[in-house]
Amino acid sequence: MATSVRRGVAADSEVLARVAAVTFPLACPQHTTDEAKAAFIATHLSRTSFDGYLADPARDILIAEIEGEAVGYTMLVFAEPSDPVVSQALTTRPSIELSKFYVMPGHHGQGVAADLMAETLTLSRRRGAAAVWLGVNEENARANRFYEKNGFVRVGTKRFLVGDTYEDDFVRELVLDAPAG
């Protein structure tokens, strides 16, 4: 089955919230409580949150679909990092944050993530980025392998609050090649 990737629009907030509610917990360390995951989802990944993200001109959301069903998404944030630790760690500007990158279980290992990453990097280049950065929990071995395979190198660490617990994230950066043509 072929994956298609498209930009999210206002009408997608409900489906994005559903995908986020399933996929966010998969990225959390085992010690993260169900209550902390639920609180994070309610605060940052609700339909209302996605309404705001989709309306924000500094953000783009891409949705991966198979036969019209959303199976993953990414969110790019086109702004300087607000965290001074991240800002210091980055080597290249202008940089875009890859804030969210999730694929539904059952679709891992099927090429969805690769297709979504390719479109995400293409969009980043079109928006003028010289680099893309992200934070990924240092215990998330699957995600870290995927990002390494895609050229993201570890340039630092940062803290990420889930519930009332700070998690340790690697800061990874990919310096983009200049667009062809």
C-alpha atoms as a PDB file:
ATOM      1  CA  MET A   1       0.000   0.000   0.000  1.00  0.00           C
ATOM      2  CA  ALA A   2       1.328   3.388  -0.975  1.00  0.00           C
ATOM      3  CA  THR A   3       1.781   6.177   1.518  1.00  0.00           C
ATOM      4  CA  SER A   4       0.677   9.671   0.563  1.00  0.00           C
ATOM      5  CA  VAL A   5       1.788  12.723   2.519  1.00  0.00           C
ATOM      6  CA  ARG A   6      -0.098  15.999   2.584  1.00  0.00           C
ATOM      7  CA  ARG A   7      -0.236  19.205   4.561  1.00  0.00           C
ATOM      8  CA  GLY A   8      -2.692  19.282   7.418  1.00  0.00           C
ATOM      9  CA  VAL A   9      -5.648  21.663   7.268  1.00  0.00           C
ATOM     10  CA  ALA A  10      -8.028  22.974   9.949  1.00  0.00           C
ATOM     11  CA  ALA A  11     -10.453  20.079   9.443  1.00  0.00           C
ATOM     12  CA  ASP A  12      -7.696  17.611  10.459  1.00  0.00           C
ATOM     13  CA  SER A  13      -7.456  18.599  14.135  1.00  0.00           C
ATOM     14  CA  GLU A  14      -9.683  15.772  15.365  1.00  0.00           C
ATOM     15  CA  VAL A  15      -7.875  13.025  13.470  1.00  0.00           C
ATOM     16  CA  LEU A  16      -4.487  14.427  14.510  1.00  0.00           C
ATOM     17  CA  ALA A  17      -5.559  14.403  18.159  1.00  0.00           C
ATOM     18  CA  ARG A  18      -6.636  10.757  17.799  1.00  0.00           C
ATOM     19  CA  VAL A  19      -3.322   9.747  16.205  1.00  0.00           C
ATOM     20  CA  ALA A  20      -1.373  11.706  18.829  1.00  0.00           C
ATOM     21  CA  ALA A  21      -3.252  10.039  21.688  1.00  0.00           C
ATOM     22  CA  VAL A  22      -2.191   6.629  20.372  1.00  0.00           C
ATOM     23  CA  THR A  23       1.379   7.454  19.336  1.00  0.00           C
ATOM     24  CA  PHE A  24       2.681   9.810  22.055  1.00  0.00           C
ATOM     25  CA  PRO A  25       2.680   7.130  24.779  1.00  0.00           C
ATOM     26  CA  LEU A  26       4.787   4.869  22.538  1.00  0.00           C
ATOM     27  CA  ALA A  27       7.642   7.393  22.692  1.00  0.00           C
ATOM     28  CA  CYS A  28       7.633   7.669  26.492  1.00  0.00           C
ATOM     29  CA  PRO A  29      10.012   5.746  28.737  1.00  0.00           C
ATOM     30  CA  GLN A  30       8.517   2.801  30.599  1.00  0.00           C
ATOM     31  CA  HIS A  31       8.637   4.673  33.909  1.00  0.00           C
ATOM     32  CA  THR A  32       6.324   7.440  32.637  1.00  0.00           C
ATOM     33  CA  THR A  33       3.005   7.044  34.394  1.00  0.00           C
ATOM     34  CA  ASP A  34      -0.283   6.712  32.545  1.00  0.00           C
ATOM     35  CA  GLU A  35      -1.474   9.820  34.402  1.00  0.00           C
ATOM     36  CA  ALA A  36       1.509  11.852  33.174  1.00  0.00           C
ATOM     37  CA  LYS A  37       0.957  10.700  29.595  1.00  0.00           C
ATOM     38  CA  ALA A  38      -2.761  11.526  29.783  1.00  0.00           C
ATOM     39  CA  ALA A  39      -2.058  14.970  31.233  1.00  0.00           C
ATOM     40  CA  PHE A  40       0.457  15.740  28.478  1.00  0.00           C
ATOM     41  CA  ILE A  41      -1.957  14.593  25.795  1.00  0.00           C
ATOM     42  CA  ALA A  42      -4.797  16.665  27.286  1.00  0.00           C
ATOM     43  CA  THR A  43      -2.605  19.769  27.504  1.00  0.00           C
ATOM     44  CA  HIS A  44      -0.560  19.567  24.292  1.00  0.00           C
ATOM     45  CA  LEU A  45      -2.174  17.066  21.918  1.00  0.00           C
ATOM     46  CA  SER A  46      -5.906  17.721  22.183  1.00  0.00           C
ATOM     47  CA  ARG A  47      -8.158  18.730  19.330  1.00  0.00           C
ATOM     48  CA  THR A  48      -8.021  22.302  20.662  1.00  0.00           C
ATOM     49  CA  SER A  49      -4.218  22.160  20.664  1.00  0.00           C
ATOM     50  CA  PHE A  50      -4.184  20.982  17.064  1.00  0.00           C
ATOM     51  CA  ASP A  51      -6.674  23.720  16.114  1.00  0.00           C
ATOM     52  CA  GLY A  52      -4.069  26.195  17.336  1.00  0.00           C
ATOM     53  CA  TYR A  53      -1.130  24.420  15.715  1.00  0.00           C
ATOM     54  CA  LEU A  54      -2.896  24.246  12.348  1.00  0.00           C
ATOM     55  CA  ALA A  55      -3.771  27.962  12.503  1.00  0.00           C
ATOM     56  CA  ASP A  56      -0.219  29.016  13.429  1.00  0.00           C
ATOM     57  CA  PRO A  57       1.735  30.313  10.391  1.00  0.00           C
ATOM     58  CA  ALA A  58       4.992  29.348  12.135  1.00  0.00           C
ATOM     59  CA  ARG A  59       3.987  25.658  12.056  1.00  0.00           C
ATOM     60  CA  ASP A  60       3.340  23.087   9.374  1.00  0.00           C
ATOM     61  CA  ILE A  61       1.848  19.676   9.967  1.00  0.00           C
ATOM     62  CA  LEU A  62       2.238  16.879   7.459  1.00  0.00           C
ATOM     63  CA  ILE A  63      -0.052  13.850   7.573  1.00  0.00           C
ATOM     64  CA  ALA A  64       0.884  10.423   6.199  1.00  0.00           C
ATOM     65  CA  GLU A  65      -2.084   8.467   4.890  1.00  0.00           C
ATOM     66  CA  ILE A  66      -2.668   5.009   3.495  1.00  0.00           C
ATOM     67  CA  GLU A  67      -5.909   4.649   1.556  1.00  0.00           C
ATOM     68  CA  GLY A  68      -7.211   7.854   3.166  1.00  0.00           C
ATOM     69  CA  GLU A  69      -6.462   6.768   6.747  1.00  0.00           C
ATOM     70  CA  ALA A  70      -4.037   8.889   8.810  1.00  0.00           C
ATOM     71  CA  VAL A  71      -1.151   6.679   9.897  1.00  0.00           C
ATOM     72  CA  GLY A  72       1.375   9.291  11.018  1.00  0.00           C
ATOM     73  CA  TYR A  73       2.225  12.956  11.203  1.00  0.00           C
ATOM     74  CA  THR A  74       5.011  15.454  11.695  1.00  0.00           C
ATOM     75  CA  MET A  75       4.965  19.010  12.967  1.00  0.00           C
ATOM     76  CA  LEU A  76       7.595  21.585  12.079  1.00  0.00           C
ATOM     77  CA  VAL A  77       8.086  24.801  14.045  1.00  0.00           C
ATOM     78  CA  PHE A  78       9.721  27.647  12.145  1.00  0.00           C
ATOM     79  CA  ALA A  79      11.209  29.687  15.012  1.00  0.00           C
ATOM     80  CA  GLU A  80      14.388  29.997  17.000  1.00  0.00           C
ATOM     81  CA  PRO A  81      14.471  27.544  19.913  1.00  0.00           C
ATOM     82  CA  SER A  82      13.076  29.044  23.109  1.00  0.00           C
ATOM     83  CA  ASP A  83      15.284  26.765  25.237  1.00  0.00           C
ATOM     84  CA  PRO A  84      18.739  28.369  25.641  1.00  0.00           C
ATOM     85  CA  VAL A  85      20.328  24.930  26.076  1.00  0.00           C
ATOM     86  CA  VAL A  86      19.034  23.877  22.660  1.00  0.00           C
ATOM     87  CA  SER A  87      19.962  27.196  21.095  1.00  0.00           C
ATOM     88  CA  GLN A  88      23.558  26.783  22.262  1.00  0.00           C
ATOM     89  CA  ALA A  89      23.770  23.186  21.074  1.00  0.00           C
ATOM     90  CA  LEU A  90      22.715  23.851  17.474  1.00  0.00           C
ATOM     91  CA  THR A  91      25.477  24.373  14.934  1.00  0.00           C
ATOM     92  CA  THR A  92      23.601  25.753  11.926  1.00  0.00           C
ATOM     93  CA  ARG A  93      21.052  28.492  11.316  1.00  0.00           C
ATOM     94  CA  PRO A  94      18.369  29.055  10.251  1.00  0.00           C
ATOM     95  CA  SER A  95      17.065  25.913  11.884  1.00  0.00           C
ATOM     96  CA  ILE A  96      13.590  24.401  12.073  1.00  0.00           C
ATOM     97  CA  GLU A  97      12.345  22.231  14.911  1.00  0.00           C
ATOM     98  CA  LEU A  98      10.901  18.849  14.062  1.00  0.00           C
ATOM     99  CA  SER A  99       8.578  19.004  17.056  1.00  0.00           C
ATOM    100  CA  LYS A 100       6.524  15.884  16.391  1.00  0.00           C
ATOM    101  CA  PHE A 101       7.202  12.741  14.361  1.00  0.00           C
ATOM    102  CA  TYR A 102       4.882   9.812  14.964  1.00  0.00           C
ATOM    103  CA  VAL A 103       3.707   6.739  13.076  1.00  0.00           C
ATOM    104  CA  MET A 104       0.836   4.533  14.206  1.00  0.00           C
ATOM    105  CA  PRO A 105       1.674   1.080  15.558  1.00  0.00           C
ATOM    106  CA  GLY A 106       1.048  -1.516  12.902  1.00  0.00           C
ATOM    107  CA  HIS A 107       2.687   0.751  10.321  1.00  0.00           C
ATOM    108  CA  HIS A 108       6.238   0.703  11.708  1.00  0.00           C
ATOM    109  CA  GLY A 109       8.753  -0.823   9.318  1.00  0.00           C
ATOM    110  CA  GLN A 110       6.522  -0.312   6.259  1.00  0.00           C
ATOM    111  CA  GLY A 111       8.202   2.769   4.815  1.00  0.00           C
ATOM    112  CA  VAL A 112       5.680   5.266   6.228  1.00  0.00           C
ATOM    113  CA  ALA A 113       8.298   6.966   8.401  1.00  0.00           C
ATOM    114  CA  ALA A 114      10.764   7.193   5.493  1.00  0.00           C
ATOM    115  CA  ASP A 115       8.131   8.769   3.227  1.00  0.00           C
ATOM    116  CA  LEU A 116       7.076  11.175   5.971  1.00  0.00           C
ATOM    117  CA  MET A 117      10.693  12.137   6.707  1.00  0.00           C
ATOM    118  CA  ALA A 118      11.434  12.792   3.021  1.00  0.00           C
ATOM    119  CA  GLU A 119       8.456  15.141   2.695  1.00  0.00           C
ATOM    120  CA  THR A 120       9.269  16.819   6.025  1.00  0.00           C
ATOM    121  CA  LEU A 121      12.829  17.580   4.914  1.00  0.00           C
ATOM    122  CA  THR A 122      11.626  18.807   1.516  1.00  0.00           C
ATOM    123  CA  LEU A 123       9.231  21.206   3.230  1.00  0.00           C
ATOM    124  CA  SER A 124      11.987  22.348   5.601  1.00  0.00           C
ATOM    125  CA  ARG A 125      14.207  23.228   2.652  1.00  0.00           C
ATOM    126  CA  ARG A 126      11.354  25.069   0.940  1.00  0.00           C
ATOM    127  CA  ARG A 127      10.830  27.104   4.096  1.00  0.00           C
ATOM    128  CA  GLY A 128      14.494  28.140   3.989  1.00  0.00           C
ATOM    129  CA  ALA A 129      15.975  25.964   6.718  1.00  0.00           C
ATOM    130  CA  ALA A 130      19.673  25.184   6.685  1.00  0.00           C
ATOM    131  CA  ALA A 131      19.137  22.560   9.415  1.00  0.00           C
ATOM    132  CA  VAL A 132      16.425  20.646  11.255  1.00  0.00           C
ATOM    133  CA  TRP A 133      16.628  19.833  14.951  1.00  0.00           C
ATOM    134  CA  LEU A 134      14.621  17.676  17.329  1.00  0.00           C
ATOM    135  CA  GLY A 135      14.542  16.368  20.862  1.00  0.00           C
ATOM    136  CA  VAL A 136      14.124  12.617  21.412  1.00  0.00           C
ATOM    137  CA  ASN A 137      14.046  10.731  24.686  1.00  0.00           C
ATOM    138  CA  GLU A 138      17.411   9.126  25.180  1.00  0.00           C
ATOM    139  CA  GLU A 139      15.695   5.845  26.173  1.00  0.00           C
ATOM    140  CA  ASN A 140      13.724   5.648  22.898  1.00  0.00           C
ATOM    141  CA  ALA A 141      16.078   3.289  21.075  1.00  0.00           C
ATOM    142  CA  ARG A 142      13.845   2.788  18.019  1.00  0.00           C
ATOM    143  CA  ALA A 143      13.464   6.528  17.384  1.00  0.00           C
ATOM    144  CA  ASN A 144      17.139   7.212  17.999  1.00  0.00           C
ATOM    145  CA  ARG A 145      18.133   4.530  15.460  1.00  0.00           C
ATOM    146  CA  PHE A 146      15.703   6.002  12.924  1.00  0.00           C
ATOM    147  CA  TYR A 147      17.016   9.542  13.375  1.00  0.00           C
ATOM    148  CA  GLU A 148      20.643   8.372  13.164  1.00  0.00           C
ATOM    149  CA  LYS A 149      19.834   6.443   9.975  1.00  0.00           C
ATOM    150  CA  ASN A 150      18.411   9.681   8.561  1.00  0.00           C
ATOM    151  CA  GLY A 151      21.544  11.693   9.364  1.00  0.00           C
ATOM    152  CA  PHE A 152      20.528  13.409  12.612  1.00  0.00           C
ATOM    153  CA  VAL A 153      23.575  13.696  14.870  1.00  0.00           C
ATOM    154  CA  ARG A 154      23.505  14.233  18.605  1.00  0.00           C
ATOM    155  CA  VAL A 155      24.598  17.773  19.432  1.00  0.00           C
ATOM    156  CA  GLY A 156      23.425  18.053  23.028  1.00  0.00           C
ATOM    157  CA  THR A 157      20.868  17.148  25.665  1.00  0.00           C
ATOM    158  CA  LYS A 158      17.842  18.880  27.114  1.00  0.00           C
ATOM    159  CA  ARG A 159      15.087  18.314  29.643  1.00  0.00           C
ATOM    160  CA  PHE A 160      11.475  17.585  28.647  1.00  0.00           C
ATOM    161  CA  LEU A 161       8.600  17.814  31.126  1.00  0.00           C
ATOM    162  CA  VAL A 162       5.953  15.065  31.069  1.00  0.00           C
ATOM    163  CA  GLY A 163       3.547  15.375  33.975  1.00  0.00           C
ATOM    164  CA  ASP A 164       5.666  16.418  36.923  1.00  0.00           C
ATOM    165  CA  THR A 165       8.782  14.532  35.812  1.00  0.00           C
ATOM    166  CA  TYR A 166      11.610  15.836  33.694  1.00  0.00           C
ATOM    167  CA  GLU A 167      12.866  13.400  31.077  1.00  0.00           C
ATOM    168  CA  ASP A 168      16.278  13.492  29.418  1.00  0.00           C
ATOM    169  CA  ASP A 169      16.246  14.077  25.670  1.00  0.00           C
ATOM    170  CA  PHE A 170      19.015  14.023  23.129  1.00  0.00           C
ATOM    171  CA  VAL A 171      19.102  17.098  20.911  1.00  0.00           C
ATOM    172  CA  ARG A 172      19.722  15.924  17.352  1.00  0.00           C
ATOM    173  CA  GLU A 173      20.454  18.081  14.313  1.00  0.00           C
ATOM    174  CA  LEU A 174      20.507  17.429  10.587  1.00  0.00           C
ATOM    175  CA  VAL A 175      22.320  19.968   8.415  1.00  0.00           C
ATOM    176  CA  LEU A 176      20.456  20.101   5.116  1.00  0.00           C
ATOM    177  CA  ASP A 177      22.070  20.102   1.705  1.00  0.00           C
ATOM    178  CA  ALA A 178      21.211  23.076  -0.426  1.00  0.00           C
ATOM    179  CA  PRO A 179      18.117  22.428  -2.535  1.00  0.00           C
ATOM    180  CA  ALA A 180      18.798  21.333  -6.082  1.00  0.00           C
ATOM    181  CA  GLY A 181      18.146  23.788  -8.876  1.00  0.00           C
END
